[in-house]
Amino acid sequence: MKTLVNRQLDFMGKRRLAFIMSAILLVIAIGALATQQLNLGLDFTGGTLVEVEYAEAPSLNTIRERLEEAGFRDVSVQNFGASTEVLIRLQQAYDANVGEQVVDLLRDGGTDVNLVRAEFVGAQVGDQLRDQSGMGMLVALGLVMLYVAFRFQYKFAIGALLALMHDVVIVIGIFSLFQLDFDLTVLAAILAVIGYSLNDTIVVYDRIRENIRKSRIEDMPTIFNEAINATLSRTLATSGTTLLVLLALLFLGGDLIRNFSIALIIGVGVGTFSSIYVASALLIPLKLQRQDLIPAQKENDDEEEELP
């Protein structure tokens, strides 16, 4: 038993260092959002979509360079379905002839390419998407807090909510810091991160609650360490296998889901960290006690039953 205990990692003993690391990441993320803001994609800003089809799979970099040399701004080029189908996003006002202009430019040199469609995404639609997506994220966080408060206790809900906000701010801040395109696929990834991080947090919370009810000691850091170590193998296995899939999507999935994969990779890493050092460790300054989970009357009844 002593050997097993000695092998346990002292997560709570390093919580102050973890809090400092989280604070630094949050300051960088918030600073980037305040100074640079997000590099919103066409879904939110409006612009022109041009879909073309080649006879043979083209080089996306060559297409992008040719369009930028012709004066098109904020060009995004990605495969759309088959390798011969290309979707071009141009962040500029729609012109009825823009599709033919793009195709004529790409046909330079005898390349066999045909126009499939050219559409315009209005700025008003982009504004609605931005507002509705932000509201959806806030609603999701609010429902999460209510769920955790109902299932556990309000101190657990506060810890889970702060952990989820921590994850979301860091992911969005990194996209702002490096000016990566923020579009609807990235927003979907952030919502997936919320679900993933919450699931990881719930697993740890379940074990913490179980250990508190079974244990007779009042040393919460020790109880938390035992709970986290008990679920650590499950957490690492889940995170590891998820990251393997996301890395495959990142390197093999193409431009269409590259930023989606990046957001999820960052989110899984940060979410795994926060389930231990934010959601769990915050229960200590929130002064979680056994009495929060075990009614005092029940304990008194047990004591009365033990009397002869």
Protein backbone atom coordinates (compact mmCIF):
# COMPACT_ATOMS: atom_id res chain seq x y z
CA MET A 1 0.00 0.00 0.00
CA LYS A 2 2.81 2.43 0.84
CA THR A 3 4.53 1.73 -2.46
CA LEU A 4 1.31 2.46 -4.35
CA VAL A 5 0.78 5.71 -2.46
CA ASN A 6 4.35 6.80 -3.02
CA ARG A 7 3.92 6.32 -6.75
CA GLN A 8 1.00 8.70 -6.88
CA LEU A 9 1.67 12.08 -8.45
CA ASP A 10 1.20 15.12 -6.23
CA PHE A 11 -0.97 17.19 -8.55
CA MET A 12 -2.37 19.42 -5.85
CA GLY A 13 1.10 20.20 -4.56
CA LYS A 14 1.87 21.82 -7.92
CA ARG A 15 -1.42 23.68 -8.19
CA ARG A 16 0.07 27.13 -7.51
CA LEU A 17 2.56 26.68 -10.35
CA ALA A 18 -0.30 25.50 -12.57
CA PHE A 19 -2.37 28.55 -11.62
CA ILE A 20 0.56 30.80 -12.63
CA MET A 21 0.87 29.02 -16.00
CA SER A 22 -2.87 29.35 -16.61
CA ALA A 23 -2.78 33.04 -15.67
CA ILE A 24 0.09 33.68 -18.11
CA LEU A 25 -1.75 31.89 -20.94
CA LEU A 26 -4.95 33.80 -20.19
CA VAL A 27 -3.13 37.16 -20.16
CA ILE A 28 -1.51 36.37 -23.52
CA ALA A 29 -4.83 35.20 -24.99
CA ILE A 30 -6.83 38.18 -23.73
CA GLY A 31 -4.06 40.58 -24.80
CA ALA A 32 -4.06 39.12 -28.32
CA LEU A 33 -7.85 39.41 -28.53
CA ALA A 34 -7.75 43.01 -27.30
CA THR A 35 -4.97 44.16 -29.64
CA GLN A 36 -5.32 42.01 -32.76
CA GLN A 37 -8.84 40.60 -32.48
CA LEU A 38 -9.84 37.54 -34.48
CA ASN A 39 -9.05 36.99 -38.13
CA LEU A 40 -12.66 36.26 -39.04
CA GLY A 41 -13.25 34.08 -42.05
CA LEU A 42 -15.64 34.59 -44.92
CA ASP A 43 -18.47 32.98 -42.96
CA PHE A 44 -18.52 35.98 -40.61
CA THR A 45 -17.26 38.87 -42.77
CA GLY A 46 -18.97 38.22 -46.08
CA GLY A 47 -17.32 37.82 -49.49
CA THR A 48 -17.33 35.70 -52.62
CA LEU A 49 -17.20 31.92 -53.08
CA VAL A 50 -15.98 30.50 -56.37
CA GLU A 51 -16.01 26.76 -57.02
CA VAL A 52 -14.04 25.42 -59.98
CA GLU A 53 -13.34 21.95 -61.33
CA TYR A 54 -10.07 20.81 -62.92
CA ALA A 55 -9.45 17.92 -65.26
CA GLU A 56 -6.46 16.92 -63.09
CA ALA A 57 -5.68 17.62 -59.45
CA PRO A 58 -4.05 21.09 -59.27
CA SER A 59 -1.56 22.63 -56.85
CA LEU A 60 -3.45 24.73 -54.31
CA ASN A 61 -0.40 26.89 -53.61
CA THR A 62 -0.07 27.71 -57.30
CA ILE A 63 -3.74 28.74 -57.48
CA ARG A 64 -3.37 30.93 -54.39
CA GLU A 65 -0.23 32.61 -55.67
CA ARG A 66 -1.73 33.27 -59.10
CA LEU A 67 -4.83 34.90 -57.60
CA GLU A 68 -2.82 37.04 -55.18
CA GLU A 69 -0.56 38.21 -58.01
CA ALA A 70 -3.69 39.27 -59.91
CA GLY A 71 -4.71 41.51 -57.02
CA PHE A 72 -7.32 39.41 -55.20
CA ARG A 73 -7.29 39.98 -51.40
CA ASP A 74 -7.49 37.47 -48.54
CA VAL A 75 -7.54 34.44 -50.81
CA SER A 76 -8.39 31.04 -49.31
CA VAL A 77 -8.03 27.96 -51.52
CA GLN A 78 -9.01 24.43 -50.51
CA ASN A 79 -10.20 21.16 -51.96
CA PHE A 80 -13.94 20.70 -51.91
CA GLY A 81 -14.82 17.02 -52.16
CA ALA A 82 -12.61 15.44 -54.83
CA SER A 83 -9.00 16.52 -55.37
CA THR A 84 -9.99 18.06 -58.72
CA GLU A 85 -12.65 20.30 -57.15
CA VAL A 86 -11.41 23.54 -55.62
CA LEU A 87 -13.26 26.08 -53.49
CA ILE A 88 -11.88 29.64 -53.61
CA ARG A 89 -12.88 32.24 -51.01
CA LEU A 90 -12.34 35.91 -51.78
CA GLN A 91 -12.95 38.52 -49.11
CA GLN A 92 -14.27 41.20 -51.40
CA ALA A 93 -17.54 42.56 -52.77
CA TYR A 94 -19.33 40.34 -55.24
CA ASP A 95 -19.00 41.03 -58.95
CA ALA A 96 -21.22 39.24 -61.47
CA ASN A 97 -18.15 38.52 -63.59
CA VAL A 98 -15.81 37.46 -60.77
CA GLY A 99 -16.31 33.75 -61.49
CA GLU A 100 -15.34 34.13 -65.15
CA GLN A 101 -12.41 36.37 -64.16
CA VAL A 102 -11.05 33.73 -61.82
CA VAL A 103 -11.49 30.92 -64.36
CA ASP A 104 -9.86 32.94 -67.16
CA LEU A 105 -6.94 33.65 -64.85
CA LEU A 106 -6.55 29.99 -63.91
CA ARG A 107 -6.83 28.88 -67.55
CA ASP A 108 -3.75 30.90 -68.41
CA GLY A 109 -1.27 28.40 -69.80
CA GLY A 110 -3.85 26.01 -71.20
CA THR A 111 -5.06 24.52 -67.92
CA ASP A 112 -8.41 22.72 -68.25
CA VAL A 113 -10.63 24.28 -65.59
CA ASN A 114 -14.39 24.99 -65.52
CA LEU A 115 -16.56 27.23 -63.36
CA VAL A 116 -19.06 25.34 -61.17
CA ARG A 117 -20.59 28.23 -59.20
CA ALA A 118 -19.91 31.72 -57.91
CA GLU A 119 -21.85 32.96 -54.87
CA PHE A 120 -21.83 35.94 -52.55
CA VAL A 121 -22.04 35.78 -48.75
CA GLY A 122 -23.41 39.07 -47.51
CA ALA A 123 -21.98 40.94 -44.53
CA GLN A 124 -25.39 40.95 -42.87
CA VAL A 125 -25.48 37.13 -42.92
CA GLY A 126 -21.98 37.15 -41.44
CA ASP A 127 -23.08 39.48 -38.63
CA GLN A 128 -26.01 37.21 -37.81
CA LEU A 129 -23.79 34.15 -37.74
CA ARG A 130 -21.32 35.90 -35.43
CA ASP A 131 -24.00 37.09 -33.01
CA GLN A 132 -25.89 33.80 -32.96
CA SER A 133 -22.73 31.73 -32.51
CA GLY A 134 -21.61 33.89 -29.59
CA MET A 135 -25.04 33.59 -27.98
CA GLY A 136 -25.02 29.84 -28.55
CA MET A 137 -21.69 29.52 -26.77
CA LEU A 138 -22.95 31.51 -23.77
CA VAL A 139 -26.10 29.39 -23.59
CA ALA A 140 -24.00 26.22 -23.70
CA LEU A 141 -21.83 27.43 -20.81
CA GLY A 142 -24.90 28.40 -18.80
CA LEU A 143 -26.54 25.00 -19.29
CA VAL A 144 -23.30 23.30 -18.32
CA MET A 145 -23.20 25.22 -15.05
CA LEU A 146 -26.80 24.28 -14.24
CA TYR A 147 -26.16 20.62 -15.06
CA VAL A 148 -23.07 20.37 -12.86
CA ALA A 149 -24.74 22.26 -10.01
CA PHE A 150 -27.73 19.88 -10.16
CA ARG A 151 -25.62 16.72 -10.42
CA PHE A 152 -22.94 17.66 -7.88
CA GLN A 153 -22.96 20.92 -5.91
CA TYR A 154 -22.69 24.60 -6.78
CA LYS A 155 -18.95 24.75 -5.94
CA PHE A 156 -18.36 22.03 -8.53
CA ALA A 157 -20.39 24.09 -11.02
CA ILE A 158 -18.22 27.16 -10.43
CA GLY A 159 -15.05 25.13 -10.92
CA ALA A 160 -16.35 23.50 -14.11
CA LEU A 161 -17.56 26.81 -15.56
CA LEU A 162 -14.24 28.56 -14.90
CA ALA A 163 -12.38 25.62 -16.42
CA LEU A 164 -14.50 25.73 -19.59
CA MET A 165 -14.09 29.50 -19.90
CA HIS A 166 -10.34 29.00 -19.39
CA ASP A 167 -10.23 26.50 -22.29
CA VAL A 168 -12.35 28.60 -24.66
CA VAL A 169 -10.42 31.83 -24.04
CA ILE A 170 -7.05 30.16 -24.58
CA VAL A 171 -8.11 28.45 -27.83
CA ILE A 172 -9.63 31.65 -29.22
CA GLY A 173 -6.64 33.67 -28.00
CA ILE A 174 -4.17 31.42 -29.82
CA PHE A 175 -6.15 31.85 -33.05
CA SER A 176 -6.00 35.61 -32.50
CA LEU A 177 -2.30 35.58 -31.62
CA PHE A 178 -1.26 33.75 -34.78
CA GLN A 179 -4.04 35.30 -36.91
CA LEU A 180 -5.44 31.94 -37.99
CA ASP A 181 -8.72 32.04 -39.90
CA PHE A 182 -11.67 31.82 -37.53
CA ASP A 183 -14.68 30.40 -39.35
CA LEU A 184 -17.67 28.18 -38.60
CA THR A 185 -15.56 25.01 -38.55
CA VAL A 186 -13.38 26.51 -35.81
CA LEU A 187 -16.49 27.55 -33.88
CA ALA A 188 -17.75 23.96 -34.14
CA ALA A 189 -14.38 22.78 -32.82
CA ILE A 190 -14.64 25.11 -29.82
CA LEU A 191 -18.09 23.75 -28.98
CA ALA A 192 -16.63 20.24 -29.26
CA VAL A 193 -13.83 21.29 -26.89
CA ILE A 194 -16.45 22.39 -24.36
CA GLY A 195 -18.07 18.96 -24.52
CA TYR A 196 -14.74 17.11 -24.34
CA SER A 197 -13.40 19.14 -21.44
CA LEU A 198 -16.68 18.84 -19.53
CA ASN A 199 -16.70 15.07 -19.96
CA ASP A 200 -13.15 14.83 -18.62
CA THR A 201 -14.04 17.09 -15.71
CA ILE A 202 -17.16 15.07 -14.84
CA VAL A 203 -15.10 11.86 -14.66
CA VAL A 204 -12.69 13.47 -12.18
CA TYR A 205 -15.54 15.09 -10.22
CA ASP A 206 -17.32 11.73 -9.87
CA ARG A 207 -14.24 10.15 -8.34
CA ILE A 208 -13.64 13.15 -6.06
CA ARG A 209 -17.21 12.96 -4.76
CA GLU A 210 -16.94 9.21 -4.25
CA ASN A 211 -13.64 9.53 -2.37
CA ILE A 212 -14.97 12.33 -0.15
CA ARG A 213 -17.97 10.23 0.84
CA LYS A 214 -15.87 7.13 1.56
CA SER A 215 -12.96 8.84 3.29
CA ARG A 216 -12.96 9.95 6.90
CA ILE A 217 -10.10 12.42 6.53
CA GLU A 218 -10.54 16.14 6.01
CA ASP A 219 -7.39 16.68 3.92
CA MET A 220 -8.96 17.69 0.60
CA PRO A 221 -5.69 17.93 -1.42
CA THR A 222 -4.94 14.29 -0.51
CA ILE A 223 -8.44 13.19 -1.50
CA PHE A 224 -8.18 15.10 -4.78
CA ASN A 225 -4.77 13.57 -5.57
CA GLU A 226 -6.14 10.06 -5.03
CA ALA A 227 -9.10 10.79 -7.30
CA ILE A 228 -6.99 12.32 -10.08
CA ASN A 229 -4.43 9.49 -9.96
CA ALA A 230 -7.23 6.93 -10.09
CA THR A 231 -8.61 8.46 -13.29
CA LEU A 232 -5.25 9.46 -14.81
CA SER A 233 -4.80 6.35 -16.99
CA ARG A 234 -8.28 6.81 -18.43
CA THR A 235 -7.65 10.51 -19.07
CA LEU A 236 -4.31 9.91 -20.80
CA ALA A 237 -5.67 7.06 -22.90
CA THR A 238 -8.65 9.13 -24.07
CA SER A 239 -6.56 12.23 -24.77
CA GLY A 240 -3.81 10.25 -26.50
CA THR A 241 -6.08 8.37 -28.88
CA THR A 242 -8.05 11.54 -29.63
CA LEU A 243 -4.85 13.44 -30.44
CA LEU A 244 -3.70 10.68 -32.79
CA VAL A 245 -6.90 11.04 -34.81
CA LEU A 246 -6.65 14.84 -34.81
CA LEU A 247 -3.03 14.76 -35.96
CA ALA A 248 -4.07 12.50 -38.84
CA LEU A 249 -6.79 15.00 -39.76
CA LEU A 250 -4.31 17.87 -39.51
CA PHE A 251 -1.74 16.36 -41.85
CA LEU A 252 -4.00 14.38 -44.18
CA GLY A 253 -7.35 16.17 -44.08
CA GLY A 254 -6.43 19.11 -46.30
CA ASP A 255 -7.11 22.84 -45.97
CA LEU A 256 -10.84 22.39 -45.43
CA ILE A 257 -10.45 21.06 -41.87
CA ARG A 258 -6.93 22.22 -40.98
CA ASN A 259 -7.99 24.99 -38.62
CA PHE A 260 -10.72 22.73 -37.23
CA SER A 261 -8.04 20.17 -36.35
CA ILE A 262 -5.73 22.82 -34.85
CA ALA A 263 -8.50 24.14 -32.61
CA LEU A 264 -9.34 20.64 -31.37
CA ILE A 265 -5.69 19.71 -30.76
CA ILE A 266 -5.18 22.84 -28.66
CA GLY A 267 -8.52 22.30 -26.93
CA VAL A 268 -7.84 18.67 -26.02
CA GLY A 269 -4.45 19.57 -24.54
CA VAL A 270 -5.75 22.56 -22.61
CA GLY A 271 -8.91 20.70 -21.58
CA THR A 272 -6.94 17.80 -20.13
CA PHE A 273 -4.80 20.26 -18.17
CA SER A 274 -7.81 22.24 -16.93
CA SER A 275 -9.75 19.20 -15.74
CA ILE A 276 -6.93 18.59 -13.25
CA TYR A 277 -5.45 21.97 -12.42
CA VAL A 278 -8.41 24.29 -12.91
CA ALA A 279 -11.68 22.43 -12.36
CA SER A 280 -10.32 20.23 -9.56
CA ALA A 281 -7.74 22.52 -7.96
CA LEU A 282 -10.21 25.41 -7.76
CA LEU A 283 -12.32 23.37 -5.35
CA ILE A 284 -9.66 24.02 -2.70
CA PRO A 285 -9.89 27.85 -2.70
CA LEU A 286 -13.67 27.40 -3.01
CA LYS A 287 -13.38 25.55 0.36
CA LEU A 288 -15.19 22.37 -0.61
CA GLN A 289 -15.82 20.25 2.51
CA ARG A 290 -17.32 16.87 3.29
CA GLN A 291 -20.36 18.61 4.73
CA ASP A 292 -21.12 20.01 1.26
CA LEU A 293 -21.78 16.48 0.00
CA ILE A 294 -22.87 14.64 3.13
CA PRO A 295 -25.73 16.20 5.14
CA ALA A 296 -24.90 16.69 8.80
CA GLN A 297 -28.19 15.08 9.85
CA LYS A 298 -27.26 11.86 8.13
CA GLU A 299 -23.95 11.72 10.00
CA ASN A 300 -25.77 12.34 13.29
CA ASP A 301 -28.23 9.53 12.53
CA ASP A 302 -25.32 7.16 11.89
CA GLU A 303 -23.77 8.09 15.23
CA GLU A 304 -27.07 7.48 17.03
CA GLU A 305 -27.38 4.03 15.46
CA GLU A 306 -23.92 3.10 16.77
CA LEU A 307 -24.93 3.92 20.38
CA PRO A 308 -25.91 0.83 22.49
